[in-house]
Amino acid sequence: MGSIFLTGASGYIGGQVLNEIIQNSPDQPITLLLRDEHKAKLIRDKFKKVNVVIGDLDDDDLLEREASKASIVLHLASAGHLKSVQSIHRGLKKRQASEPAYWIQVSGASALAAAELASPSFSPGSGSSDVFDDIEDASKFIKLLRDHKTRAVDNYILYVGSQEPSIETALVFPPIIYGVGEGVTNQRSIQIPELARVTLERGHGVRVGPGLNKWGNVHIRDLGRLFGALVDATSKPKSDFKLWNKDGLYLTGVGEISFGEISEKVARTAVEQGFNTKDTVEELHKPDIDTVLPHGSVIYGTNARSKARRAREHLGWTPREESLEADIPNTVAIEAKRRQN
């Protein structure tokens, strides 16, 4: 059983993935990078067997050392911290092992919007017919990433996967993530809870422009299972080579809905639950939307449409949680309670 080095265990995604791994493999050797002793204690209290090192993503020597001792690295603390990625790479190259190391890196579905974000003519909130299939369009997706140097971490991982025969890589691109997580210290997502918070604060809904843009979505527990399936795949015979490196880009959308529809559903739910009196949706544009919702023009105003086939067809991943639409009432109720506390 290979040892794991995992970053981001105190976060929403990392906490869920840690929970998934330990549920499936209670004796799995895991070392966690955490920033403070308080969170470390909370996580140790629940997961008695984990090892914890205290540090952050700028601790080059620490990251390098821990990566050099691991068979599997799950870098889930950040999708954009290039320095930590370079430190992990140096560590993995130092491993003294006959078997390859595995590096599973979190990214984000905003990668699919790289061309939109680079275009001066793009209007946030407008729709798109572009849909990326992570099997049929894998080469197209890789080209998109390579054409946009803002995707520095993604491109670094692609480089490692193509140049280092002793390191197998996977990039996972979560879209909208919803649902209450099972991590110890952070169970809250960002996009839908923040939209609900703003809707409750302003007394009506908001959207970016016309709200025609669409993203995929995935429940946090289903996303955790996908990462768990990738970890499981590291210990299986290499009967399927379409899992790693250039074949290791995983889109994870299960449902798809426009942000305009999401805003309408959140606004309507806030009225139905008695928190608001108006279910209208206000149309906002830059720079206002970025003030109301941090990075709003990007994470609520772009398109990230996908067909997530690779994990289903090659890992046996079967999403089974309720839809985003079904989860919205719970999210609104939770955010209303947070406002009262």
C-alpha atoms as a PDB file:
ATOM      1  CA  MET A   1       0.000   0.000   0.000  1.00  0.00           C
ATOM      2  CA  GLY A   2       1.662   3.197  -1.186  1.00  0.00           C
ATOM      3  CA  SER A   3       2.095   6.111   1.187  1.00  0.00           C
ATOM      4  CA  ILE A   4       0.183   9.332   0.454  1.00  0.00           C
ATOM      5  CA  PHE A   5       1.213  12.947   0.904  1.00  0.00           C
ATOM      6  CA  LEU A   6      -1.912  15.136   0.837  1.00  0.00           C
ATOM      7  CA  THR A   7      -2.181  18.913   0.932  1.00  0.00           C
ATOM      8  CA  GLY A   8      -5.404  20.806   1.600  1.00  0.00           C
ATOM      9  CA  ALA A   9      -6.955  18.447   4.155  1.00  0.00           C
ATOM     10  CA  SER A  10      -8.464  21.391   6.018  1.00  0.00           C
ATOM     11  CA  GLY A  11     -10.227  22.584   2.864  1.00  0.00           C
ATOM     12  CA  TYR A  12     -13.535  21.687   1.250  1.00  0.00           C
ATOM     13  CA  ILE A  13     -12.161  19.369  -1.445  1.00  0.00           C
ATOM     14  CA  GLY A  14      -9.158  18.059   0.470  1.00  0.00           C
ATOM     15  CA  GLY A  15     -11.236  17.297   3.545  1.00  0.00           C
ATOM     16  CA  GLN A  16     -13.710  15.305   1.490  1.00  0.00           C
ATOM     17  CA  VAL A  17     -10.964  13.379  -0.276  1.00  0.00           C
ATOM     18  CA  LEU A  18      -9.255  12.549   3.017  1.00  0.00           C
ATOM     19  CA  ASN A  19     -12.558  11.277   4.395  1.00  0.00           C
ATOM     20  CA  GLU A  20     -13.112   9.160   1.273  1.00  0.00           C
ATOM     21  CA  ILE A  21      -9.658   7.582   1.365  1.00  0.00           C
ATOM     22  CA  ILE A  22      -9.786   6.698   5.052  1.00  0.00           C
ATOM     23  CA  GLN A  23     -13.312   5.294   4.792  1.00  0.00           C
ATOM     24  CA  ASN A  24     -12.148   2.970   2.020  1.00  0.00           C
ATOM     25  CA  SER A  25      -8.656   2.213   3.379  1.00  0.00           C
ATOM     26  CA  PRO A  26      -8.432   2.874   7.142  1.00  0.00           C
ATOM     27  CA  ASP A  27      -4.820   1.698   7.307  1.00  0.00           C
ATOM     28  CA  GLN A  28      -3.601   3.764   4.348  1.00  0.00           C
ATOM     29  CA  PRO A  29      -0.392   5.589   5.393  1.00  0.00           C
ATOM     30  CA  ILE A  30      -1.132   9.311   4.950  1.00  0.00           C
ATOM     31  CA  THR A  31       0.878  12.421   5.740  1.00  0.00           C
ATOM     32  CA  LEU A  32      -0.984  15.742   5.719  1.00  0.00           C
ATOM     33  CA  LEU A  33       0.409  19.227   5.257  1.00  0.00           C
ATOM     34  CA  LEU A  34      -1.484  21.630   7.525  1.00  0.00           C
ATOM     35  CA  ARG A  35      -0.848  25.264   8.360  1.00  0.00           C
ATOM     36  CA  ASP A  36      -1.645  25.306  12.062  1.00  0.00           C
ATOM     37  CA  GLU A  37      -1.778  23.064  15.110  1.00  0.00           C
ATOM     38  CA  HIS A  38      -5.434  23.816  15.859  1.00  0.00           C
ATOM     39  CA  LYS A  39      -6.659  22.320  12.592  1.00  0.00           C
ATOM     40  CA  ALA A  40      -4.137  19.520  12.937  1.00  0.00           C
ATOM     41  CA  LYS A  41      -5.600  18.579  16.312  1.00  0.00           C
ATOM     42  CA  LEU A  42      -9.162  18.588  14.979  1.00  0.00           C
ATOM     43  CA  ILE A  43      -8.192  16.293  12.118  1.00  0.00           C
ATOM     44  CA  ARG A  44      -6.070  13.997  14.310  1.00  0.00           C
ATOM     45  CA  ASP A  45      -8.961  13.687  16.758  1.00  0.00           C
ATOM     46  CA  LYS A  46     -11.099  12.190  13.984  1.00  0.00           C
ATOM     47  CA  PHE A  47      -8.431  10.324  12.024  1.00  0.00           C
ATOM     48  CA  LYS A  48      -6.090   8.876  14.627  1.00  0.00           C
ATOM     49  CA  LYS A  49      -3.602   7.279  12.259  1.00  0.00           C
ATOM     50  CA  VAL A  50      -2.729  10.219  10.025  1.00  0.00           C
ATOM     51  CA  ASN A  51       0.666  11.856  10.256  1.00  0.00           C
ATOM     52  CA  VAL A  52       0.744  15.670  10.152  1.00  0.00           C
ATOM     53  CA  VAL A  53       3.514  18.082   9.225  1.00  0.00           C
ATOM     54  CA  ILE A  54       3.001  21.768   9.979  1.00  0.00           C
ATOM     55  CA  GLY A  55       3.880  24.197   7.211  1.00  0.00           C
ATOM     56  CA  ASP A  56       2.529  25.989   4.179  1.00  0.00           C
ATOM     57  CA  LEU A  57       2.873  25.949   0.414  1.00  0.00           C
ATOM     58  CA  ASP A  58       5.901  28.238   0.516  1.00  0.00           C
ATOM     59  CA  ASP A  59       7.904  25.782   2.648  1.00  0.00           C
ATOM     60  CA  ASP A  60       9.987  24.480  -0.238  1.00  0.00           C
ATOM     61  CA  ASP A  61      12.219  22.099   1.709  1.00  0.00           C
ATOM     62  CA  LEU A  62       9.303  20.588   3.621  1.00  0.00           C
ATOM     63  CA  LEU A  63       7.249  19.953   0.486  1.00  0.00           C
ATOM     64  CA  GLU A  64      10.244  18.511  -1.316  1.00  0.00           C
ATOM     65  CA  ARG A  65      11.099  16.192   1.579  1.00  0.00           C
ATOM     66  CA  GLU A  66       7.559  14.884   2.068  1.00  0.00           C
ATOM     67  CA  ALA A  67       7.003  14.368  -1.656  1.00  0.00           C
ATOM     68  CA  SER A  68      10.245  12.384  -1.875  1.00  0.00           C
ATOM     69  CA  LYS A  69       8.880   9.907   0.695  1.00  0.00           C
ATOM     70  CA  ALA A  70       5.462   9.427  -0.927  1.00  0.00           C
ATOM     71  CA  SER A  71       4.183   7.004  -3.524  1.00  0.00           C
ATOM     72  CA  ILE A  72       1.136   9.204  -4.194  1.00  0.00           C
ATOM     73  CA  VAL A  73       0.873  12.987  -3.942  1.00  0.00           C
ATOM     74  CA  LEU A  74      -2.561  14.587  -3.795  1.00  0.00           C
ATOM     75  CA  HIS A  75      -2.001  18.333  -4.149  1.00  0.00           C
ATOM     76  CA  LEU A  76      -5.434  19.708  -3.269  1.00  0.00           C
ATOM     77  CA  ALA A  77      -4.554  22.900  -1.403  1.00  0.00           C
ATOM     78  CA  SER A  78      -4.292  25.080  -4.497  1.00  0.00           C
ATOM     79  CA  ALA A  79      -4.828  24.970  -8.244  1.00  0.00           C
ATOM     80  CA  GLY A  80      -2.592  27.947  -8.905  1.00  0.00           C
ATOM     81  CA  HIS A  81       0.427  27.879  -6.577  1.00  0.00           C
ATOM     82  CA  LEU A  82       3.271  27.181  -9.006  1.00  0.00           C
ATOM     83  CA  LYS A  83       6.048  27.346  -6.420  1.00  0.00           C
ATOM     84  CA  SER A  84       4.597  24.462  -4.401  1.00  0.00           C
ATOM     85  CA  VAL A  85       4.138  22.427  -7.569  1.00  0.00           C
ATOM     86  CA  GLN A  86       7.802  22.900  -8.436  1.00  0.00           C
ATOM     87  CA  SER A  87       8.819  21.816  -4.923  1.00  0.00           C
ATOM     88  CA  ILE A  88       6.707  18.665  -5.166  1.00  0.00           C
ATOM     89  CA  HIS A  89       8.268  17.891  -8.539  1.00  0.00           C
ATOM     90  CA  ARG A  90      11.776  18.149  -7.119  1.00  0.00           C
ATOM     91  CA  GLY A  91      10.803  15.835  -4.296  1.00  0.00           C
ATOM     92  CA  LEU A  92       9.266  13.197  -6.532  1.00  0.00           C
ATOM     93  CA  LYS A  93      12.393  13.155  -8.697  1.00  0.00           C
ATOM     94  CA  LYS A  94      14.426  12.247  -5.588  1.00  0.00           C
ATOM     95  CA  ARG A  95      12.429   9.110  -4.821  1.00  0.00           C
ATOM     96  CA  GLN A  96      14.437   5.905  -4.603  1.00  0.00           C
ATOM     97  CA  ALA A  97      11.852   3.424  -5.844  1.00  0.00           C
ATOM     98  CA  SER A  98      11.388   1.038  -8.733  1.00  0.00           C
ATOM     99  CA  GLU A  99       7.686   1.805  -9.060  1.00  0.00           C
ATOM    100  CA  PRO A 100       6.462   5.128 -10.462  1.00  0.00           C
ATOM    101  CA  ALA A 101       5.078   7.867  -8.256  1.00  0.00           C
ATOM    102  CA  TYR A 102       1.561   9.199  -8.828  1.00  0.00           C
ATOM    103  CA  TRP A 103       0.691  12.880  -8.712  1.00  0.00           C
ATOM    104  CA  ILE A 104      -2.978  13.869  -8.599  1.00  0.00           C
ATOM    105  CA  GLN A 105      -3.400  17.637  -8.931  1.00  0.00           C
ATOM    106  CA  VAL A 106      -6.580  19.653  -8.466  1.00  0.00           C
ATOM    107  CA  SER A 107      -7.343  22.289 -11.069  1.00  0.00           C
ATOM    108  CA  GLY A 108     -10.643  23.945 -11.957  1.00  0.00           C
ATOM    109  CA  ALA A 109     -13.223  24.096 -14.729  1.00  0.00           C
ATOM    110  CA  SER A 110     -12.448  27.772 -15.296  1.00  0.00           C
ATOM    111  CA  ALA A 111      -9.672  26.307 -17.470  1.00  0.00           C
ATOM    112  CA  LEU A 112     -12.376  25.669 -20.059  1.00  0.00           C
ATOM    113  CA  ALA A 113     -13.020  29.416 -20.124  1.00  0.00           C
ATOM    114  CA  ALA A 114      -9.386  30.340 -20.813  1.00  0.00           C
ATOM    115  CA  ALA A 115     -10.134  31.529 -24.354  1.00  0.00           C
ATOM    116  CA  GLU A 116     -13.124  33.587 -23.199  1.00  0.00           C
ATOM    117  CA  LEU A 117     -11.118  35.228 -20.451  1.00  0.00           C
ATOM    118  CA  ALA A 118      -8.329  36.097 -22.889  1.00  0.00           C
ATOM    119  CA  SER A 119     -10.712  37.663 -25.412  1.00  0.00           C
ATOM    120  CA  PRO A 120     -11.296  41.426 -25.113  1.00  0.00           C
ATOM    121  CA  SER A 121     -14.673  40.971 -26.818  1.00  0.00           C
ATOM    122  CA  PHE A 122     -16.047  38.419 -24.331  1.00  0.00           C
ATOM    123  CA  SER A 123     -19.079  39.653 -22.424  1.00  0.00           C
ATOM    124  CA  PRO A 124     -19.568  37.890 -19.055  1.00  0.00           C
ATOM    125  CA  GLY A 125     -22.915  36.157 -18.855  1.00  0.00           C
ATOM    126  CA  SER A 126     -23.117  35.329 -22.555  1.00  0.00           C
ATOM    127  CA  GLY A 127     -23.649  31.756 -23.688  1.00  0.00           C
ATOM    128  CA  SER A 128     -21.440  29.364 -25.637  1.00  0.00           C
ATOM    129  CA  SER A 129     -21.980  26.225 -27.692  1.00  0.00           C
ATOM    130  CA  ASP A 130     -18.483  24.874 -26.943  1.00  0.00           C
ATOM    131  CA  VAL A 131     -18.583  21.613 -24.979  1.00  0.00           C
ATOM    132  CA  PHE A 132     -15.393  19.704 -24.110  1.00  0.00           C
ATOM    133  CA  ASP A 133     -15.476  15.897 -24.049  1.00  0.00           C
ATOM    134  CA  ASP A 134     -12.549  14.715 -21.926  1.00  0.00           C
ATOM    135  CA  ILE A 135     -11.955  11.694 -24.165  1.00  0.00           C
ATOM    136  CA  GLU A 136     -12.780  12.856 -27.700  1.00  0.00           C
ATOM    137  CA  ASP A 137     -11.504  16.394 -27.138  1.00  0.00           C
ATOM    138  CA  ALA A 138      -8.482  15.575 -24.972  1.00  0.00           C
ATOM    139  CA  SER A 139      -5.991  16.917 -27.521  1.00  0.00           C
ATOM    140  CA  LYS A 140      -8.098  20.033 -28.045  1.00  0.00           C
ATOM    141  CA  PHE A 141      -8.222  20.577 -24.291  1.00  0.00           C
ATOM    142  CA  ILE A 142      -4.457  20.183 -23.918  1.00  0.00           C
ATOM    143  CA  LYS A 143      -3.942  22.700 -26.734  1.00  0.00           C
ATOM    144  CA  LEU A 144      -6.280  25.148 -24.977  1.00  0.00           C
ATOM    145  CA  LEU A 145      -4.184  24.897 -21.821  1.00  0.00           C
ATOM    146  CA  ARG A 146      -0.884  25.220 -23.658  1.00  0.00           C
ATOM    147  CA  ASP A 147      -2.124  28.243 -25.598  1.00  0.00           C
ATOM    148  CA  HIS A 148      -2.871  30.115 -22.370  1.00  0.00           C
ATOM    149  CA  LYS A 149       0.132  30.603 -20.128  1.00  0.00           C
ATOM    150  CA  THR A 150      -2.161  31.787 -17.329  1.00  0.00           C
ATOM    151  CA  ARG A 151      -2.782  28.062 -16.773  1.00  0.00           C
ATOM    152  CA  ALA A 152       0.732  27.744 -15.353  1.00  0.00           C
ATOM    153  CA  VAL A 153       0.110  24.849 -12.946  1.00  0.00           C
ATOM    154  CA  ASP A 154      -1.862  22.845 -15.504  1.00  0.00           C
ATOM    155  CA  ASN A 155       0.924  23.280 -18.043  1.00  0.00           C
ATOM    156  CA  TYR A 156       3.583  22.345 -15.505  1.00  0.00           C
ATOM    157  CA  ILE A 157       1.771  19.097 -14.698  1.00  0.00           C
ATOM    158  CA  LEU A 158       1.410  18.344 -18.409  1.00  0.00           C
ATOM    159  CA  TYR A 159       5.152  18.905 -18.787  1.00  0.00           C
ATOM    160  CA  VAL A 160       5.966  16.549 -15.897  1.00  0.00           C
ATOM    161  CA  GLY A 161       3.656  13.885 -17.321  1.00  0.00           C
ATOM    162  CA  SER A 162       5.335  14.063 -20.714  1.00  0.00           C
ATOM    163  CA  GLN A 163       8.960  14.267 -19.540  1.00  0.00           C
ATOM    164  CA  GLU A 164       9.220  12.183 -16.358  1.00  0.00           C
ATOM    165  CA  PRO A 165       8.761   8.436 -16.944  1.00  0.00           C
ATOM    166  CA  SER A 166       8.913   7.805 -13.189  1.00  0.00           C
ATOM    167  CA  ILE A 167       5.947  10.125 -12.445  1.00  0.00           C
ATOM    168  CA  GLU A 168       2.359   9.463 -13.525  1.00  0.00           C
ATOM    169  CA  THR A 169       0.145  12.551 -13.409  1.00  0.00           C
ATOM    170  CA  ALA A 170      -3.565  13.336 -13.323  1.00  0.00           C
ATOM    171  CA  LEU A 171      -5.313  16.715 -13.473  1.00  0.00           C
ATOM    172  CA  VAL A 172      -8.844  16.967 -12.071  1.00  0.00           C
ATOM    173  CA  PHE A 173     -11.037  19.902 -13.120  1.00  0.00           C
ATOM    174  CA  PRO A 174     -14.008  20.365 -10.769  1.00  0.00           C
ATOM    175  CA  PRO A 175     -16.825  22.630 -12.014  1.00  0.00           C
ATOM    176  CA  ILE A 176     -19.449  24.046  -9.625  1.00  0.00           C
ATOM    177  CA  ILE A 177     -19.181  21.917  -6.491  1.00  0.00           C
ATOM    178  CA  TYR A 178     -22.222  21.779  -4.251  1.00  0.00           C
ATOM    179  CA  GLY A 179     -23.419  19.997  -1.138  1.00  0.00           C
ATOM    180  CA  VAL A 180     -22.238  19.819   2.452  1.00  0.00           C
ATOM    181  CA  GLY A 181     -18.796  18.278   2.654  1.00  0.00           C
ATOM    182  CA  GLU A 182     -17.641  15.615   5.101  1.00  0.00           C
ATOM    183  CA  GLY A 183     -14.274  17.173   5.886  1.00  0.00           C
ATOM    184  CA  VAL A 184     -13.387  18.090   9.447  1.00  0.00           C
ATOM    185  CA  THR A 185     -12.855  21.847   9.209  1.00  0.00           C
ATOM    186  CA  ASN A 186     -14.588  23.127   6.061  1.00  0.00           C
ATOM    187  CA  GLN A 187     -17.832  21.709   4.687  1.00  0.00           C
ATOM    188  CA  ARG A 188     -18.860  24.785   2.639  1.00  0.00           C
ATOM    189  CA  SER A 189     -18.428  25.339  -1.074  1.00  0.00           C
ATOM    190  CA  ILE A 190     -18.108  28.805  -2.635  1.00  0.00           C
ATOM    191  CA  GLN A 191     -20.189  29.476  -5.735  1.00  0.00           C
ATOM    192  CA  ILE A 192     -23.742  28.526  -4.738  1.00  0.00           C
ATOM    193  CA  PRO A 193     -23.447  29.374  -1.013  1.00  0.00           C
ATOM    194  CA  GLU A 194     -22.028  32.801  -1.858  1.00  0.00           C
ATOM    195  CA  LEU A 195     -24.789  33.405  -4.401  1.00  0.00           C
ATOM    196  CA  ALA A 196     -27.341  32.451  -1.744  1.00  0.00           C
ATOM    197  CA  ARG A 197     -25.666  34.744   0.791  1.00  0.00           C
ATOM    198  CA  VAL A 198     -25.808  37.733  -1.564  1.00  0.00           C
ATOM    199  CA  THR A 199     -29.424  36.947  -2.489  1.00  0.00           C
ATOM    200  CA  LEU A 200     -30.405  36.946   1.185  1.00  0.00           C
ATOM    201  CA  GLU A 201     -28.440  40.105   1.952  1.00  0.00           C
ATOM    202  CA  ARG A 202     -29.845  42.102  -0.967  1.00  0.00           C
ATOM    203  CA  GLY A 203     -33.367  40.724  -0.743  1.00  0.00           C
ATOM    204  CA  HIS A 204     -33.351  39.573  -4.373  1.00  0.00           C
ATOM    205  CA  GLY A 205     -31.274  37.505  -6.763  1.00  0.00           C
ATOM    206  CA  VAL A 206     -28.325  38.598  -8.889  1.00  0.00           C
ATOM    207  CA  ARG A 207     -26.782  37.300 -12.081  1.00  0.00           C
ATOM    208  CA  VAL A 208     -23.945  38.244 -14.415  1.00  0.00           C
ATOM    209  CA  GLY A 209     -25.294  39.917 -17.541  1.00  0.00           C
ATOM    210  CA  PRO A 210     -28.057  37.893 -19.200  1.00  0.00           C
ATOM    211  CA  GLY A 211     -27.031  34.743 -17.285  1.00  0.00           C
ATOM    212  CA  LEU A 212     -26.893  32.522 -20.368  1.00  0.00           C
ATOM    213  CA  ASN A 213     -23.499  31.053 -19.510  1.00  0.00           C
ATOM    214  CA  LYS A 214     -23.310  27.466 -18.278  1.00  0.00           C
ATOM    215  CA  TRP A 215     -21.026  25.392 -16.096  1.00  0.00           C
ATOM    216  CA  GLY A 216     -21.192  21.743 -15.198  1.00  0.00           C
ATOM    217  CA  ASN A 217     -21.684  20.768 -11.571  1.00  0.00           C
ATOM    218  CA  VAL A 218     -20.840  17.911  -9.217  1.00  0.00           C
ATOM    219  CA  HIS A 219     -21.751  16.996  -5.651  1.00  0.00           C
ATOM    220  CA  ILE A 220     -18.804  17.112  -3.254  1.00  0.00           C
ATOM    221  CA  ARG A 221     -19.274  13.460  -2.245  1.00  0.00           C
ATOM    222  CA  ASP A 222     -19.247  12.330  -5.878  1.00  0.00           C
ATOM    223  CA  LEU A 223     -16.108  14.384  -6.455  1.00  0.00           C
ATOM    224  CA  GLY A 224     -14.481  12.765  -3.427  1.00  0.00           C
ATOM    225  CA  ARG A 225     -15.276   9.340  -4.875  1.00  0.00           C
ATOM    226  CA  LEU A 226     -13.588  10.273  -8.152  1.00  0.00           C
ATOM    227  CA  PHE A 227     -10.373  11.186  -6.345  1.00  0.00           C
ATOM    228  CA  GLY A 228     -10.715   7.965  -4.363  1.00  0.00           C
ATOM    229  CA  ALA A 229     -11.040   5.991  -7.590  1.00  0.00           C
ATOM    230  CA  LEU A 230      -7.837   7.562  -8.900  1.00  0.00           C
ATOM    231  CA  VAL A 231      -6.021   6.609  -5.700  1.00  0.00           C
ATOM    232  CA  ASP A 232      -7.332   3.046  -6.038  1.00  0.00           C
ATOM    233  CA  ALA A 233      -6.113   2.932  -9.642  1.00  0.00           C
ATOM    234  CA  THR A 234      -2.523   3.491  -8.525  1.00  0.00           C
ATOM    235  CA  SER A 235      -2.430   0.013  -6.999  1.00  0.00           C
ATOM    236  CA  LYS A 236      -3.963  -1.859  -9.927  1.00  0.00           C
ATOM    237  CA  PRO A 237      -2.121  -3.543 -12.798  1.00  0.00           C
ATOM    238  CA  LYS A 238      -1.591  -1.292 -15.790  1.00  0.00           C
ATOM    239  CA  SER A 239      -4.248  -2.872 -17.973  1.00  0.00           C
ATOM    240  CA  ASP A 240      -5.536   0.560 -18.992  1.00  0.00           C
ATOM    241  CA  PHE A 241      -3.035   3.217 -19.940  1.00  0.00           C
ATOM    242  CA  LYS A 242      -5.705   5.871 -20.497  1.00  0.00           C
ATOM    243  CA  LEU A 243      -5.580   7.120 -16.924  1.00  0.00           C
ATOM    244  CA  TRP A 244      -2.451   9.225 -16.618  1.00  0.00           C
ATOM    245  CA  ASN A 245      -0.366  11.975 -18.186  1.00  0.00           C
ATOM    246  CA  LYS A 246      -1.842  13.136 -21.517  1.00  0.00           C
ATOM    247  CA  ASP A 247      -4.747  10.755 -20.873  1.00  0.00           C
ATOM    248  CA  GLY A 248      -5.099  11.939 -17.288  1.00  0.00           C
ATOM    249  CA  LEU A 249      -7.240  15.063 -17.665  1.00  0.00           C
ATOM    250  CA  TYR A 250     -10.528  14.543 -15.822  1.00  0.00           C
ATOM    251  CA  LEU A 251     -13.562  16.752 -16.274  1.00  0.00           C
ATOM    252  CA  THR A 252     -16.089  16.061 -13.533  1.00  0.00           C
ATOM    253  CA  GLY A 253     -19.383  17.740 -14.420  1.00  0.00           C
ATOM    254  CA  VAL A 254     -22.482  15.633 -13.795  1.00  0.00           C
ATOM    255  CA  GLY A 255     -25.292  18.120 -14.371  1.00  0.00           C
ATOM    256  CA  GLU A 256     -25.351  21.376 -16.325  1.00  0.00           C
ATOM    257  CA  ILE A 257     -27.416  24.525 -15.837  1.00  0.00           C
ATOM    258  CA  SER A 258     -27.080  28.197 -16.740  1.00  0.00           C
ATOM    259  CA  PHE A 259     -26.141  30.657 -14.031  1.00  0.00           C
ATOM    260  CA  GLY A 260     -29.275  32.621 -14.847  1.00  0.00           C
ATOM    261  CA  GLU A 261     -31.386  29.589 -13.982  1.00  0.00           C
ATOM    262  CA  ILE A 262     -29.395  29.033 -10.794  1.00  0.00           C
ATOM    263  CA  SER A 263     -29.960  32.639  -9.738  1.00  0.00           C
ATOM    264  CA  GLU A 264     -33.694  32.309 -10.395  1.00  0.00           C
ATOM    265  CA  LYS A 265     -33.923  29.105  -8.369  1.00  0.00           C
ATOM    266  CA  VAL A 266     -31.998  30.603  -5.453  1.00  0.00           C
ATOM    267  CA  ALA A 267     -34.142  33.765  -5.473  1.00  0.00           C
ATOM    268  CA  ARG A 268     -37.374  31.776  -5.667  1.00  0.00           C
ATOM    269  CA  THR A 269     -36.269  29.445  -2.873  1.00  0.00           C
ATOM    270  CA  ALA A 270     -35.426  32.393  -0.607  1.00  0.00           C
ATOM    271  CA  VAL A 271     -39.019  33.604  -1.025  1.00  0.00           C
ATOM    272  CA  GLU A 272     -40.518  30.132  -0.542  1.00  0.00           C
ATOM    273  CA  GLN A 273     -38.579  29.717   2.713  1.00  0.00           C
ATOM    274  CA  GLY A 274     -39.799  33.090   3.972  1.00  0.00           C
ATOM    275  CA  PHE A 275     -36.459  34.918   3.976  1.00  0.00           C
ATOM    276  CA  ASN A 276     -37.099  37.298   1.057  1.00  0.00           C
ATOM    277  CA  THR A 277     -40.240  38.920  -0.338  1.00  0.00           C
ATOM    278  CA  LYS A 278     -39.053  39.336  -3.949  1.00  0.00           C
ATOM    279  CA  ASP A 279     -37.874  36.632  -6.337  1.00  0.00           C
ATOM    280  CA  THR A 280     -36.593  39.077  -8.946  1.00  0.00           C
ATOM    281  CA  VAL A 281     -33.051  38.743 -10.288  1.00  0.00           C
ATOM    282  CA  GLU A 282     -30.905  41.834 -10.797  1.00  0.00           C
ATOM    283  CA  GLU A 283     -28.557  41.898 -13.791  1.00  0.00           C
ATOM    284  CA  LEU A 284     -25.063  43.098 -12.882  1.00  0.00           C
ATOM    285  CA  HIS A 285     -22.003  43.774 -15.008  1.00  0.00           C
ATOM    286  CA  LYS A 286     -18.310  44.452 -14.459  1.00  0.00           C
ATOM    287  CA  PRO A 287     -17.035  45.970 -12.219  1.00  0.00           C
ATOM    288  CA  ASP A 288     -20.133  45.787  -9.998  1.00  0.00           C
ATOM    289  CA  ILE A 289     -20.443  41.999 -10.073  1.00  0.00           C
ATOM    290  CA  ASP A 290     -16.813  41.611  -8.973  1.00  0.00           C
ATOM    291  CA  THR A 291     -17.550  43.816  -5.970  1.00  0.00           C
ATOM    292  CA  VAL A 292     -20.737  41.987  -4.997  1.00  0.00           C
ATOM    293  CA  LEU A 293     -19.259  38.512  -5.609  1.00  0.00           C
ATOM    294  CA  PRO A 294     -15.453  38.275  -5.551  1.00  0.00           C
ATOM    295  CA  HIS A 295     -14.204  37.168  -8.996  1.00  0.00           C
ATOM    296  CA  GLY A 296     -17.871  37.142  -9.985  1.00  0.00           C
ATOM    297  CA  SER A 297     -17.329  37.875 -13.665  1.00  0.00           C
ATOM    298  CA  VAL A 298     -15.120  34.770 -13.881  1.00  0.00           C
ATOM    299  CA  ILE A 299     -16.710  32.137 -11.652  1.00  0.00           C
ATOM    300  CA  TYR A 300     -20.316  33.205 -12.331  1.00  0.00           C
ATOM    301  CA  GLY A 301     -19.960  34.774 -15.787  1.00  0.00           C
ATOM    302  CA  THR A 302     -17.990  32.355 -17.991  1.00  0.00           C
ATOM    303  CA  ASN A 303     -18.775  29.072 -19.708  1.00  0.00           C
ATOM    304  CA  ALA A 304     -17.321  25.727 -18.611  1.00  0.00           C
ATOM    305  CA  ARG A 305     -19.350  23.108 -20.445  1.00  0.00           C
ATOM    306  CA  SER A 306     -18.147  19.529 -20.501  1.00  0.00           C
ATOM    307  CA  LYS A 307     -18.825  15.835 -20.991  1.00  0.00           C
ATOM    308  CA  ALA A 308     -17.101  13.985 -18.176  1.00  0.00           C
ATOM    309  CA  ARG A 309     -16.572  10.541 -19.711  1.00  0.00           C
ATOM    310  CA  ARG A 310     -13.055   9.501 -18.750  1.00  0.00           C
ATOM    311  CA  ALA A 311     -13.686   8.797 -15.070  1.00  0.00           C
ATOM    312  CA  ARG A 312     -16.872   6.896 -15.858  1.00  0.00           C
ATOM    313  CA  GLU A 313     -15.414   4.766 -18.633  1.00  0.00           C
ATOM    314  CA  HIS A 314     -11.925   4.126 -17.243  1.00  0.00           C
ATOM    315  CA  LEU A 315     -12.331   4.376 -13.463  1.00  0.00           C
ATOM    316  CA  GLY A 316     -15.880   3.060 -13.087  1.00  0.00           C
ATOM    317  CA  TRP A 317     -16.953   6.313 -11.429  1.00  0.00           C
ATOM    318  CA  THR A 318     -20.725   6.456 -10.990  1.00  0.00           C
ATOM    319  CA  PRO A 319     -22.103   9.721  -9.552  1.00  0.00           C
ATOM    320  CA  ARG A 320     -25.097   9.049  -7.338  1.00  0.00           C
ATOM    321  CA  GLU A 321     -25.856  12.126  -5.233  1.00  0.00           C
ATOM    322  CA  GLU A 322     -28.815  14.478  -5.669  1.00  0.00           C
ATOM    323  CA  SER A 323     -28.704  17.208  -8.300  1.00  0.00           C
ATOM    324  CA  LEU A 324     -27.600  20.795  -7.771  1.00  0.00           C
ATOM    325  CA  GLU A 325     -31.188  21.926  -8.295  1.00  0.00           C
ATOM    326  CA  ALA A 326     -32.391  19.582  -5.542  1.00  0.00           C
ATOM    327  CA  ASP A 327     -29.656  20.824  -3.199  1.00  0.00           C
ATOM    328  CA  ILE A 328     -30.435  24.550  -3.556  1.00  0.00           C
ATOM    329  CA  PRO A 329     -33.132  24.628  -0.810  1.00  0.00           C
ATOM    330  CA  ASN A 330     -30.668  23.151   1.683  1.00  0.00           C
ATOM    331  CA  THR A 331     -27.983  25.647   0.674  1.00  0.00           C
ATOM    332  CA  VAL A 332     -30.339  28.613   1.080  1.00  0.00           C
ATOM    333  CA  ALA A 333     -31.465  27.373   4.510  1.00  0.00           C
ATOM    334  CA  ILE A 334     -27.864  26.910   5.671  1.00  0.00           C
ATOM    335  CA  GLU A 335     -26.841  30.370   4.489  1.00  0.00           C
ATOM    336  CA  ALA A 336     -29.862  31.928   6.195  1.00  0.00           C
ATOM    337  CA  LYS A 337     -28.856  30.223   9.447  1.00  0.00           C
ATOM    338  CA  ARG A 338     -25.279  31.467   9.053  1.00  0.00           C
ATOM    339  CA  ARG A 339     -26.585  35.027   8.775  1.00  0.00           C
ATOM    340  CA  GLN A 340     -28.493  34.627  12.018  1.00  0.00           C
ATOM    341  CA  ASN A 341     -25.471  33.371  13.967  1.00  0.00           C
END
